[in-house]
């Protein structure tokens, strides 16, 4: 007779509170995925970003660790909350998860968090990820988010780490991402970070 594993009550509580809060059909993680909330109409979009900011300030480190040990939806959401509140104490854990490349979509959150930390160490983690996964044509996951994040960090830090990937014969143009425009993904990351700055300081954001 197979014994059933008891439910992880701490994980279930954290998921209900932060990953799938409320009764709406479109759960928080779905709005974070790909930055889908950018397409939401106002004032729904503002309500969403402000609720996200409140969650980022409210969630405990223990709850974040619990979510990061779970599946992609929980990891994506936790990484966003970490990035919003710039909890750089999670840098090593986020870096480990990014380089492990275990779950599709979760890397979007890791890239967002590392970009928000805005340090040369974070740029180095993004470079390591691109070096490891761009040559692998069987892993066309979130490298477009990674190059966008790295380009933003280069701009903010005055570095040029992304350059060697994007030269005429660079790894980017031989990867599964070669049809993706890195500059457009930088613009995407720029927009997300601008929104993060605004909602975390409770200022009104004027949408284009």
C-alpha atoms as a PDB file:
ATOM      1  CA  UNK A   1       0.000   0.000   0.000  1.00  0.00           C
ATOM      2  CA  UNK A   2       1.487   3.365  -1.060  1.00  0.00           C
ATOM      3  CA  UNK A   3       1.531   6.010   1.623  1.00  0.00           C
ATOM      4  CA  UNK A   4       0.375   9.454   0.571  1.00  0.00           C
ATOM      5  CA  UNK A   5       2.764  12.295   1.331  1.00  0.00           C
ATOM      6  CA  UNK A   6       1.133  14.807   3.686  1.00  0.00           C
ATOM      7  CA  UNK A   7       0.508  18.234   2.132  1.00  0.00           C
ATOM      8  CA  UNK A   8       3.065  20.974   2.735  1.00  0.00           C
ATOM      9  CA  UNK A   9       0.848  23.384   4.623  1.00  0.00           C
ATOM     10  CA  UNK A  10       3.433  26.188   4.650  1.00  0.00           C
ATOM     11  CA  UNK A  11       3.846  25.984   0.879  1.00  0.00           C
ATOM     12  CA  UNK A  12       0.099  25.823   0.276  1.00  0.00           C
ATOM     13  CA  UNK A  13      -0.446  28.879   2.445  1.00  0.00           C
ATOM     14  CA  UNK A  14       2.305  30.853   0.683  1.00  0.00           C
ATOM     15  CA  UNK A  15       0.936  29.901  -2.742  1.00  0.00           C
ATOM     16  CA  UNK A  16      -2.588  30.991  -1.818  1.00  0.00           C
ATOM     17  CA  UNK A  17      -1.315  34.238  -0.356  1.00  0.00           C
ATOM     18  CA  UNK A  18       1.145  35.287  -3.069  1.00  0.00           C
ATOM     19  CA  UNK A  19       1.008  33.118  -6.215  1.00  0.00           C
ATOM     20  CA  UNK A  20      -2.752  32.711  -6.672  1.00  0.00           C
ATOM     21  CA  UNK A  21      -4.353  35.333  -4.420  1.00  0.00           C
ATOM     22  CA  UNK A  22      -7.972  36.358  -4.746  1.00  0.00           C
ATOM     23  CA  UNK A  23     -10.784  34.733  -6.688  1.00  0.00           C
ATOM     24  CA  UNK A  24     -10.066  36.032 -10.172  1.00  0.00           C
ATOM     25  CA  UNK A  25      -9.549  33.516 -12.963  1.00  0.00           C
ATOM     26  CA  UNK A  26      -6.308  35.159 -14.106  1.00  0.00           C
ATOM     27  CA  UNK A  27      -3.953  34.384 -11.244  1.00  0.00           C
ATOM     28  CA  UNK A  28      -1.004  36.583 -10.274  1.00  0.00           C
ATOM     29  CA  UNK A  29       1.606  34.270 -11.775  1.00  0.00           C
ATOM     30  CA  UNK A  30      -0.171  34.359 -15.138  1.00  0.00           C
ATOM     31  CA  UNK A  31      -0.062  38.152 -15.148  1.00  0.00           C
ATOM     32  CA  UNK A  32       3.647  38.089 -14.308  1.00  0.00           C
ATOM     33  CA  UNK A  33       4.431  35.479 -16.955  1.00  0.00           C
ATOM     34  CA  UNK A  34       5.990  37.218 -19.988  1.00  0.00           C
ATOM     35  CA  UNK A  35       5.068  40.534 -18.350  1.00  0.00           C
ATOM     36  CA  UNK A  36       1.451  39.946 -19.419  1.00  0.00           C
ATOM     37  CA  UNK A  37       0.196  42.613 -17.046  1.00  0.00           C
ATOM     38  CA  UNK A  38       1.564  45.224 -19.472  1.00  0.00           C
ATOM     39  CA  UNK A  39      -1.440  44.467 -21.693  1.00  0.00           C
ATOM     40  CA  UNK A  40      -3.997  44.960 -18.945  1.00  0.00           C
ATOM     41  CA  UNK A  41      -6.338  47.962 -19.241  1.00  0.00           C
ATOM     42  CA  UNK A  42      -6.280  50.752 -16.716  1.00  0.00           C
ATOM     43  CA  UNK A  43      -7.211  51.026 -13.873  1.00  0.00           C
ATOM     44  CA  UNK A  44      -6.912  47.242 -13.481  1.00  0.00           C
ATOM     45  CA  UNK A  45      -3.220  47.399 -14.301  1.00  0.00           C
ATOM     46  CA  UNK A  46      -2.523  49.957 -11.581  1.00  0.00           C
ATOM     47  CA  UNK A  47      -4.452  47.910  -9.036  1.00  0.00           C
ATOM     48  CA  UNK A  48      -2.406  44.855  -9.969  1.00  0.00           C
ATOM     49  CA  UNK A  49       0.992  46.585  -9.694  1.00  0.00           C
ATOM     50  CA  UNK A  50       0.109  48.192  -6.367  1.00  0.00           C
ATOM     51  CA  UNK A  51      -1.089  44.865  -4.946  1.00  0.00           C
ATOM     52  CA  UNK A  52       2.156  43.324  -6.190  1.00  0.00           C
ATOM     53  CA  UNK A  53       4.170  46.016  -4.417  1.00  0.00           C
ATOM     54  CA  UNK A  54       2.267  45.409  -1.185  1.00  0.00           C
ATOM     55  CA  UNK A  55       2.960  41.695  -1.453  1.00  0.00           C
ATOM     56  CA  UNK A  56       6.664  42.344  -2.077  1.00  0.00           C
ATOM     57  CA  UNK A  57       6.894  44.390   1.116  1.00  0.00           C
ATOM     58  CA  UNK A  58       4.805  41.974   3.162  1.00  0.00           C
ATOM     59  CA  UNK A  59       6.225  38.554   2.272  1.00  0.00           C
ATOM     60  CA  UNK A  60       8.789  37.123   4.683  1.00  0.00           C
ATOM     61  CA  UNK A  61      12.163  35.703   3.725  1.00  0.00           C
ATOM     62  CA  UNK A  62      11.001  32.321   4.993  1.00  0.00           C
ATOM     63  CA  UNK A  63       8.003  32.385   2.668  1.00  0.00           C
ATOM     64  CA  UNK A  64      10.239  33.351  -0.237  1.00  0.00           C
ATOM     65  CA  UNK A  65      12.562  30.425   0.465  1.00  0.00           C
ATOM     66  CA  UNK A  66       9.524  28.129   0.562  1.00  0.00           C
ATOM     67  CA  UNK A  67       8.296  29.360  -2.831  1.00  0.00           C
ATOM     68  CA  UNK A  68      11.759  29.141  -4.403  1.00  0.00           C
ATOM     69  CA  UNK A  69      11.898  25.467  -3.398  1.00  0.00           C
ATOM     70  CA  UNK A  70       8.655  24.751  -5.282  1.00  0.00           C
ATOM     71  CA  UNK A  71       7.614  24.611  -8.964  1.00  0.00           C
ATOM     72  CA  UNK A  72       7.895  27.252 -11.713  1.00  0.00           C
ATOM     73  CA  UNK A  73       4.795  29.281 -10.846  1.00  0.00           C
ATOM     74  CA  UNK A  74       5.912  29.751  -7.268  1.00  0.00           C
ATOM     75  CA  UNK A  75       9.497  30.464  -8.307  1.00  0.00           C
ATOM     76  CA  UNK A  76       8.434  33.003 -10.921  1.00  0.00           C
ATOM     77  CA  UNK A  77       6.288  34.870  -8.414  1.00  0.00           C
ATOM     78  CA  UNK A  78       8.869  34.713  -5.626  1.00  0.00           C
ATOM     79  CA  UNK A  79      11.584  36.061  -7.916  1.00  0.00           C
ATOM     80  CA  UNK A  80       9.397  38.978  -8.937  1.00  0.00           C
ATOM     81  CA  UNK A  81       8.683  39.825  -5.295  1.00  0.00           C
ATOM     82  CA  UNK A  82      12.383  39.541  -4.477  1.00  0.00           C
ATOM     83  CA  UNK A  83      13.282  41.816  -7.362  1.00  0.00           C
ATOM     84  CA  UNK A  84      10.629  44.385  -6.535  1.00  0.00           C
ATOM     85  CA  UNK A  85      11.862  44.746  -2.958  1.00  0.00           C
ATOM     86  CA  UNK A  86      15.503  44.364  -4.037  1.00  0.00           C
ATOM     87  CA  UNK A  87      16.230  41.646  -1.477  1.00  0.00           C
ATOM     88  CA  UNK A  88      19.762  41.049  -2.661  1.00  0.00           C
ATOM     89  CA  UNK A  89      20.344  38.507   0.111  1.00  0.00           C
ATOM     90  CA  UNK A  90      18.683  36.074  -2.321  1.00  0.00           C
ATOM     91  CA  UNK A  91      21.269  36.743  -5.048  1.00  0.00           C
ATOM     92  CA  UNK A  92      23.172  33.474  -4.585  1.00  0.00           C
ATOM     93  CA  UNK A  93      19.990  31.385  -4.537  1.00  0.00           C
ATOM     94  CA  UNK A  94      18.586  33.137  -7.604  1.00  0.00           C
ATOM     95  CA  UNK A  95      21.897  32.675  -9.396  1.00  0.00           C
ATOM     96  CA  UNK A  96      21.965  28.964  -8.583  1.00  0.00           C
ATOM     97  CA  UNK A  97      18.437  28.461  -9.855  1.00  0.00           C
ATOM     98  CA  UNK A  98      19.136  30.420 -13.041  1.00  0.00           C
ATOM     99  CA  UNK A  99      22.261  28.440 -13.889  1.00  0.00           C
ATOM    100  CA  UNK A 100      20.537  25.136 -13.096  1.00  0.00           C
ATOM    101  CA  UNK A 101      18.022  25.878 -15.880  1.00  0.00           C
ATOM    102  CA  UNK A 102      15.560  23.418 -14.384  1.00  0.00           C
ATOM    103  CA  UNK A 103      12.170  24.966 -15.086  1.00  0.00           C
ATOM    104  CA  UNK A 104      10.864  26.847 -18.111  1.00  0.00           C
ATOM    105  CA  UNK A 105       9.483  30.364 -17.422  1.00  0.00           C
ATOM    106  CA  UNK A 106      10.938  30.671 -13.913  1.00  0.00           C
ATOM    107  CA  UNK A 107      14.079  32.183 -15.452  1.00  0.00           C
ATOM    108  CA  UNK A 108      12.083  35.269 -16.414  1.00  0.00           C
ATOM    109  CA  UNK A 109      11.701  36.063 -12.741  1.00  0.00           C
ATOM    110  CA  UNK A 110      15.350  35.329 -12.011  1.00  0.00           C
ATOM    111  CA  UNK A 111      16.437  37.753 -14.738  1.00  0.00           C
ATOM    112  CA  UNK A 112      14.119  40.443 -13.417  1.00  0.00           C
ATOM    113  CA  UNK A 113      15.450  40.039  -9.876  1.00  0.00           C
ATOM    114  CA  UNK A 114      19.106  40.139 -10.911  1.00  0.00           C
ATOM    115  CA  UNK A 115      18.474  43.229 -13.007  1.00  0.00           C
ATOM    116  CA  UNK A 116      16.873  44.962 -10.046  1.00  0.00           C
ATOM    117  CA  UNK A 117      19.867  44.171  -7.814  1.00  0.00           C
ATOM    118  CA  UNK A 118      21.974  46.127 -10.311  1.00  0.00           C
ATOM    119  CA  UNK A 119      25.495  44.958  -9.454  1.00  0.00           C
ATOM    120  CA  UNK A 120      28.436  43.624 -11.446  1.00  0.00           C
ATOM    121  CA  UNK A 121      27.930  40.279  -9.679  1.00  0.00           C
ATOM    122  CA  UNK A 122      24.461  40.053 -11.206  1.00  0.00           C
ATOM    123  CA  UNK A 123      25.811  40.806 -14.674  1.00  0.00           C
ATOM    124  CA  UNK A 124      28.359  38.009 -14.226  1.00  0.00           C
ATOM    125  CA  UNK A 125      25.583  35.528 -13.405  1.00  0.00           C
ATOM    126  CA  UNK A 126      23.689  36.506 -16.568  1.00  0.00           C
ATOM    127  CA  UNK A 127      26.874  36.108 -18.613  1.00  0.00           C
ATOM    128  CA  UNK A 128      27.455  32.635 -17.143  1.00  0.00           C
ATOM    129  CA  UNK A 129      23.910  31.648 -18.073  1.00  0.00           C
ATOM    130  CA  UNK A 130      24.304  32.815 -21.669  1.00  0.00           C
ATOM    131  CA  UNK A 131      27.668  31.086 -22.000  1.00  0.00           C
ATOM    132  CA  UNK A 132      26.124  27.844 -20.781  1.00  0.00           C
ATOM    133  CA  UNK A 133      22.812  27.823 -22.648  1.00  0.00           C
ATOM    134  CA  UNK A 134      23.168  29.792 -25.890  1.00  0.00           C
ATOM    135  CA  UNK A 135      25.241  26.997 -27.479  1.00  0.00           C
ATOM    136  CA  UNK A 136      22.504  24.479 -26.568  1.00  0.00           C
ATOM    137  CA  UNK A 137      19.912  24.540 -29.318  1.00  0.00           C
ATOM    138  CA  UNK A 138      17.763  22.149 -27.287  1.00  0.00           C
ATOM    139  CA  UNK A 139      17.215  24.776 -24.568  1.00  0.00           C
ATOM    140  CA  UNK A 140      15.447  27.767 -26.194  1.00  0.00           C
ATOM    141  CA  UNK A 141      14.029  28.982 -22.928  1.00  0.00           C
ATOM    142  CA  UNK A 142      14.475  32.524 -21.577  1.00  0.00           C
ATOM    143  CA  UNK A 143      17.756  33.645 -23.093  1.00  0.00           C
ATOM    144  CA  UNK A 144      15.937  36.613 -24.657  1.00  0.00           C
ATOM    145  CA  UNK A 145      15.064  37.841 -21.158  1.00  0.00           C
ATOM    146  CA  UNK A 146      18.661  37.276 -20.126  1.00  0.00           C
ATOM    147  CA  UNK A 147      20.199  39.323 -22.933  1.00  0.00           C
ATOM    148  CA  UNK A 148      17.690  42.130 -22.300  1.00  0.00           C
ATOM    149  CA  UNK A 149      18.597  42.130 -18.621  1.00  0.00           C
ATOM    150  CA  UNK A 150      22.311  42.088 -19.395  1.00  0.00           C
ATOM    151  CA  UNK A 151      21.992  44.985 -21.838  1.00  0.00           C
ATOM    152  CA  UNK A 152      20.178  46.999 -19.190  1.00  0.00           C
ATOM    153  CA  UNK A 153      22.846  46.243 -16.595  1.00  0.00           C
ATOM    154  CA  UNK A 154      25.573  47.180 -19.072  1.00  0.00           C
ATOM    155  CA  UNK A 155      23.893  50.526 -19.581  1.00  0.00           C
ATOM    156  CA  UNK A 156      23.404  51.118 -15.866  1.00  0.00           C
ATOM    157  CA  UNK A 157      26.852  49.925 -14.811  1.00  0.00           C
ATOM    158  CA  UNK A 158      28.864  51.325 -17.709  1.00  0.00           C
ATOM    159  CA  UNK A 159      30.022  47.863 -18.822  1.00  0.00           C
ATOM    160  CA  UNK A 160      29.839  45.957 -22.113  1.00  0.00           C
ATOM    161  CA  UNK A 161      29.378  42.305 -21.143  1.00  0.00           C
ATOM    162  CA  UNK A 162      26.715  41.713 -23.791  1.00  0.00           C
ATOM    163  CA  UNK A 163      28.894  42.904 -26.659  1.00  0.00           C
ATOM    164  CA  UNK A 164      30.721  39.639 -27.287  1.00  0.00           C
ATOM    165  CA  UNK A 165      27.434  37.756 -27.606  1.00  0.00           C
ATOM    166  CA  UNK A 166      26.087  40.235 -30.154  1.00  0.00           C
ATOM    167  CA  UNK A 167      29.033  40.799 -32.499  1.00  0.00           C
ATOM    168  CA  UNK A 168      28.475  39.585 -36.057  1.00  0.00           C
ATOM    169  CA  UNK A 169      29.710  36.063 -35.306  1.00  0.00           C
ATOM    170  CA  UNK A 170      28.703  36.013 -31.645  1.00  0.00           C
ATOM    171  CA  UNK A 171      26.903  33.209 -29.836  1.00  0.00           C
ATOM    172  CA  UNK A 172      23.561  34.969 -30.072  1.00  0.00           C
ATOM    173  CA  UNK A 173      23.365  34.653 -33.869  1.00  0.00           C
ATOM    174  CA  UNK A 174      24.112  30.918 -33.742  1.00  0.00           C
ATOM    175  CA  UNK A 175      21.579  30.162 -31.020  1.00  0.00           C
ATOM    176  CA  UNK A 176      17.910  29.246 -30.979  1.00  0.00           C
ATOM    177  CA  UNK A 177      17.307  32.923 -30.100  1.00  0.00           C
ATOM    178  CA  UNK A 178      18.858  34.350 -33.268  1.00  0.00           C
ATOM    179  CA  UNK A 179      15.514  35.684 -34.547  1.00  0.00           C
ATOM    180  CA  UNK A 180      14.880  37.636 -31.333  1.00  0.00           C
ATOM    181  CA  UNK A 181      15.885  41.314 -31.239  1.00  0.00           C
ATOM    182  CA  UNK A 182      18.001  41.887 -28.093  1.00  0.00           C
ATOM    183  CA  UNK A 183      17.266  45.624 -28.068  1.00  0.00           C
ATOM    184  CA  UNK A 184      13.527  45.010 -27.980  1.00  0.00           C
ATOM    185  CA  UNK A 185      14.010  42.743 -24.978  1.00  0.00           C
ATOM    186  CA  UNK A 186      16.112  45.412 -23.281  1.00  0.00           C
ATOM    187  CA  UNK A 187      13.205  47.825 -23.820  1.00  0.00           C
ATOM    188  CA  UNK A 188      10.880  45.228 -22.293  1.00  0.00           C
ATOM    189  CA  UNK A 189      13.089  44.889 -19.216  1.00  0.00           C
ATOM    190  CA  UNK A 190      13.452  48.676 -19.013  1.00  0.00           C
ATOM    191  CA  UNK A 191       9.669  49.047 -18.915  1.00  0.00           C
ATOM    192  CA  UNK A 192       9.266  46.399 -16.224  1.00  0.00           C
ATOM    193  CA  UNK A 193      11.970  47.996 -14.073  1.00  0.00           C
ATOM    194  CA  UNK A 194      10.450  51.453 -14.512  1.00  0.00           C
ATOM    195  CA  UNK A 195       7.102  50.125 -13.355  1.00  0.00           C
ATOM    196  CA  UNK A 196       8.813  48.423 -10.424  1.00  0.00           C
ATOM    197  CA  UNK A 197      10.430  51.699  -9.354  1.00  0.00           C
ATOM    198  CA  UNK A 198       7.113  53.508  -9.518  1.00  0.00           C
ATOM    199  CA  UNK A 199       4.910  50.970  -7.778  1.00  0.00           C
ATOM    200  CA  UNK A 200       7.443  50.417  -4.991  1.00  0.00           C
ATOM    201  CA  UNK A 201       7.490  54.157  -4.241  1.00  0.00           C
ATOM    202  CA  UNK A 202       3.687  54.444  -4.629  1.00  0.00           C
ATOM    203  CA  UNK A 203       3.901  57.053  -7.330  1.00  0.00           C
ATOM    204  CA  UNK A 204       1.424  57.220 -10.157  1.00  0.00           C
ATOM    205  CA  UNK A 205       2.704  55.734 -13.404  1.00  0.00           C
ATOM    206  CA  UNK A 206       1.640  57.372 -16.652  1.00  0.00           C
ATOM    207  CA  UNK A 207       1.313  54.683 -19.305  1.00  0.00           C
ATOM    208  CA  UNK A 208       2.167  55.402 -22.952  1.00  0.00           C
END
